[in-house]
């Protein structure tokens, strides 16, 4: 699915990209990156399409998704981290 078609589905679903990001716990930056690529992955396309259809039939998809209690993924590995207790106790 093209990014333009994806954005049209978001309009049909009456949801903005930032709100979609928060709802499905995917960073807005990641969703915006699909704009450069020109297309969105199948899973994101399916989500947008389902939300558009649910909205068309007056189904409250916000409640359904919030009930899943999705968790945002966090990056592991590289980056700054707090010093271990061992480091501070050895000084």
C-alpha atoms as a PDB file:
ATOM      1  CA  UNK A   1       0.000   0.000   0.000  1.00  0.00           C
ATOM      2  CA  UNK A   2       1.289   3.450  -0.843  1.00  0.00           C
ATOM      3  CA  UNK A   3       1.796   6.002   1.901  1.00  0.00           C
ATOM      4  CA  UNK A   4      -0.828   8.210   0.223  1.00  0.00           C
ATOM      5  CA  UNK A   5      -3.408   5.395   0.354  1.00  0.00           C
ATOM      6  CA  UNK A   6      -2.442   4.819   3.990  1.00  0.00           C
ATOM      7  CA  UNK A   7      -3.072   8.490   4.831  1.00  0.00           C
ATOM      8  CA  UNK A   8      -6.467   8.309   3.081  1.00  0.00           C
ATOM      9  CA  UNK A   9      -7.399   5.343   5.257  1.00  0.00           C
ATOM     10  CA  UNK A  10      -6.405   7.298   8.345  1.00  0.00           C
ATOM     11  CA  UNK A  11      -8.782  10.045   7.236  1.00  0.00           C
ATOM     12  CA  UNK A  12     -11.536   7.441   6.789  1.00  0.00           C
ATOM     13  CA  UNK A  13     -10.724   6.102  10.258  1.00  0.00           C
ATOM     14  CA  UNK A  14     -10.813   9.661  11.635  1.00  0.00           C
ATOM     15  CA  UNK A  15      -7.430   9.284  13.274  1.00  0.00           C
ATOM     16  CA  UNK A  16      -4.246  11.292  12.902  1.00  0.00           C
ATOM     17  CA  UNK A  17      -0.796   9.821  12.534  1.00  0.00           C
ATOM     18  CA  UNK A  18       0.263  10.936  16.056  1.00  0.00           C
ATOM     19  CA  UNK A  19      -2.897   9.418  17.578  1.00  0.00           C
ATOM     20  CA  UNK A  20      -2.396   6.181  15.630  1.00  0.00           C
ATOM     21  CA  UNK A  21       1.172   6.082  16.886  1.00  0.00           C
ATOM     22  CA  UNK A  22       0.058   6.347  20.510  1.00  0.00           C
ATOM     23  CA  UNK A  23      -2.811   3.891  20.056  1.00  0.00           C
ATOM     24  CA  UNK A  24      -0.784   1.063  18.520  1.00  0.00           C
ATOM     25  CA  UNK A  25       2.412   1.880  20.485  1.00  0.00           C
ATOM     26  CA  UNK A  26       4.615   2.443  17.438  1.00  0.00           C
ATOM     27  CA  UNK A  27       6.814   5.519  17.330  1.00  0.00           C
ATOM     28  CA  UNK A  28       5.548   8.322  15.150  1.00  0.00           C
ATOM     29  CA  UNK A  29       9.055   8.594  13.719  1.00  0.00           C
ATOM     30  CA  UNK A  30       8.809   5.019  12.430  1.00  0.00           C
ATOM     31  CA  UNK A  31       5.433   5.696  10.836  1.00  0.00           C
ATOM     32  CA  UNK A  32       6.726   8.897   9.215  1.00  0.00           C
ATOM     33  CA  UNK A  33       9.695   6.951   7.785  1.00  0.00           C
ATOM     34  CA  UNK A  34       7.274   5.089   5.510  1.00  0.00           C
ATOM     35  CA  UNK A  35       6.615   8.376   3.736  1.00  0.00           C
ATOM     36  CA  UNK A  36      10.184   8.373   2.376  1.00  0.00           C
ATOM     37  CA  UNK A  37       9.866   4.741   1.337  1.00  0.00           C
ATOM     38  CA  UNK A  38       6.572   5.514  -0.394  1.00  0.00           C
ATOM     39  CA  UNK A  39       4.771   2.519   1.019  1.00  0.00           C
ATOM     40  CA  UNK A  40       3.796   1.016   4.337  1.00  0.00           C
ATOM     41  CA  UNK A  41       4.316  -2.564   5.561  1.00  0.00           C
ATOM     42  CA  UNK A  42       1.436  -4.989   5.213  1.00  0.00           C
ATOM     43  CA  UNK A  43       0.696  -5.070   8.940  1.00  0.00           C
ATOM     44  CA  UNK A  44       0.344  -1.292   9.178  1.00  0.00           C
ATOM     45  CA  UNK A  45      -1.806  -1.282   6.019  1.00  0.00           C
ATOM     46  CA  UNK A  46      -4.091  -3.926   7.524  1.00  0.00           C
ATOM     47  CA  UNK A  47      -4.425  -1.942  10.756  1.00  0.00           C
ATOM     48  CA  UNK A  48      -5.345   1.255   8.904  1.00  0.00           C
ATOM     49  CA  UNK A  49      -7.821  -0.568   6.681  1.00  0.00           C
ATOM     50  CA  UNK A  50      -9.494  -2.283   9.637  1.00  0.00           C
ATOM     51  CA  UNK A  51      -9.736   0.977  11.564  1.00  0.00           C
ATOM     52  CA  UNK A  52     -11.319   2.691   8.542  1.00  0.00           C
ATOM     53  CA  UNK A  53     -13.904  -0.094   8.170  1.00  0.00           C
ATOM     54  CA  UNK A  54     -14.624  -0.178  11.892  1.00  0.00           C
ATOM     55  CA  UNK A  55     -15.139   3.584  11.931  1.00  0.00           C
ATOM     56  CA  UNK A  56     -17.453   3.306   8.903  1.00  0.00           C
ATOM     57  CA  UNK A  57     -19.599   0.835  10.864  1.00  0.00           C
ATOM     58  CA  UNK A  58     -19.486   2.909  14.066  1.00  0.00           C
ATOM     59  CA  UNK A  59     -17.285   0.447  15.940  1.00  0.00           C
ATOM     60  CA  UNK A  60     -15.216   2.017  18.722  1.00  0.00           C
ATOM     61  CA  UNK A  61     -11.821   0.628  17.780  1.00  0.00           C
ATOM     62  CA  UNK A  62     -10.070   2.829  20.378  1.00  0.00           C
ATOM     63  CA  UNK A  63     -11.635   0.815  23.213  1.00  0.00           C
ATOM     64  CA  UNK A  64     -10.842  -2.470  21.522  1.00  0.00           C
ATOM     65  CA  UNK A  65      -7.177  -1.592  21.035  1.00  0.00           C
ATOM     66  CA  UNK A  66      -6.758  -0.006  24.467  1.00  0.00           C
ATOM     67  CA  UNK A  67      -8.148  -3.186  26.055  1.00  0.00           C
ATOM     68  CA  UNK A  68      -5.180  -5.082  24.579  1.00  0.00           C
ATOM     69  CA  UNK A  69      -2.851  -3.117  26.885  1.00  0.00           C
ATOM     70  CA  UNK A  70      -0.137  -2.967  24.221  1.00  0.00           C
ATOM     71  CA  UNK A  71       3.373  -2.122  25.362  1.00  0.00           C
ATOM     72  CA  UNK A  72       5.773   0.076  23.421  1.00  0.00           C
ATOM     73  CA  UNK A  73       9.004  -1.649  22.504  1.00  0.00           C
ATOM     74  CA  UNK A  74      12.178  -0.099  23.834  1.00  0.00           C
ATOM     75  CA  UNK A  75      15.588  -0.199  22.250  1.00  0.00           C
ATOM     76  CA  UNK A  76      18.150  -2.376  23.974  1.00  0.00           C
ATOM     77  CA  UNK A  77      21.875  -2.166  23.711  1.00  0.00           C
ATOM     78  CA  UNK A  78      23.542   0.963  22.367  1.00  0.00           C
ATOM     79  CA  UNK A  79      23.082   4.308  24.025  1.00  0.00           C
ATOM     80  CA  UNK A  80      23.699   5.880  27.373  1.00  0.00           C
ATOM     81  CA  UNK A  81      22.889   3.921  30.481  1.00  0.00           C
ATOM     82  CA  UNK A  82      23.086   4.463  34.207  1.00  0.00           C
ATOM     83  CA  UNK A  83      26.242   3.314  35.931  1.00  0.00           C
ATOM     84  CA  UNK A  84      26.049   0.056  37.838  1.00  0.00           C
ATOM     85  CA  UNK A  85      25.994   0.102  41.618  1.00  0.00           C
ATOM     86  CA  UNK A  86      29.364  -1.666  41.487  1.00  0.00           C
ATOM     87  CA  UNK A  87      30.916   1.328  39.714  1.00  0.00           C
ATOM     88  CA  UNK A  88      29.717   3.847  42.274  1.00  0.00           C
ATOM     89  CA  UNK A  89      30.641   1.716  45.294  1.00  0.00           C
ATOM     90  CA  UNK A  90      34.233   1.123  44.134  1.00  0.00           C
ATOM     91  CA  UNK A  91      35.126   4.838  44.192  1.00  0.00           C
END
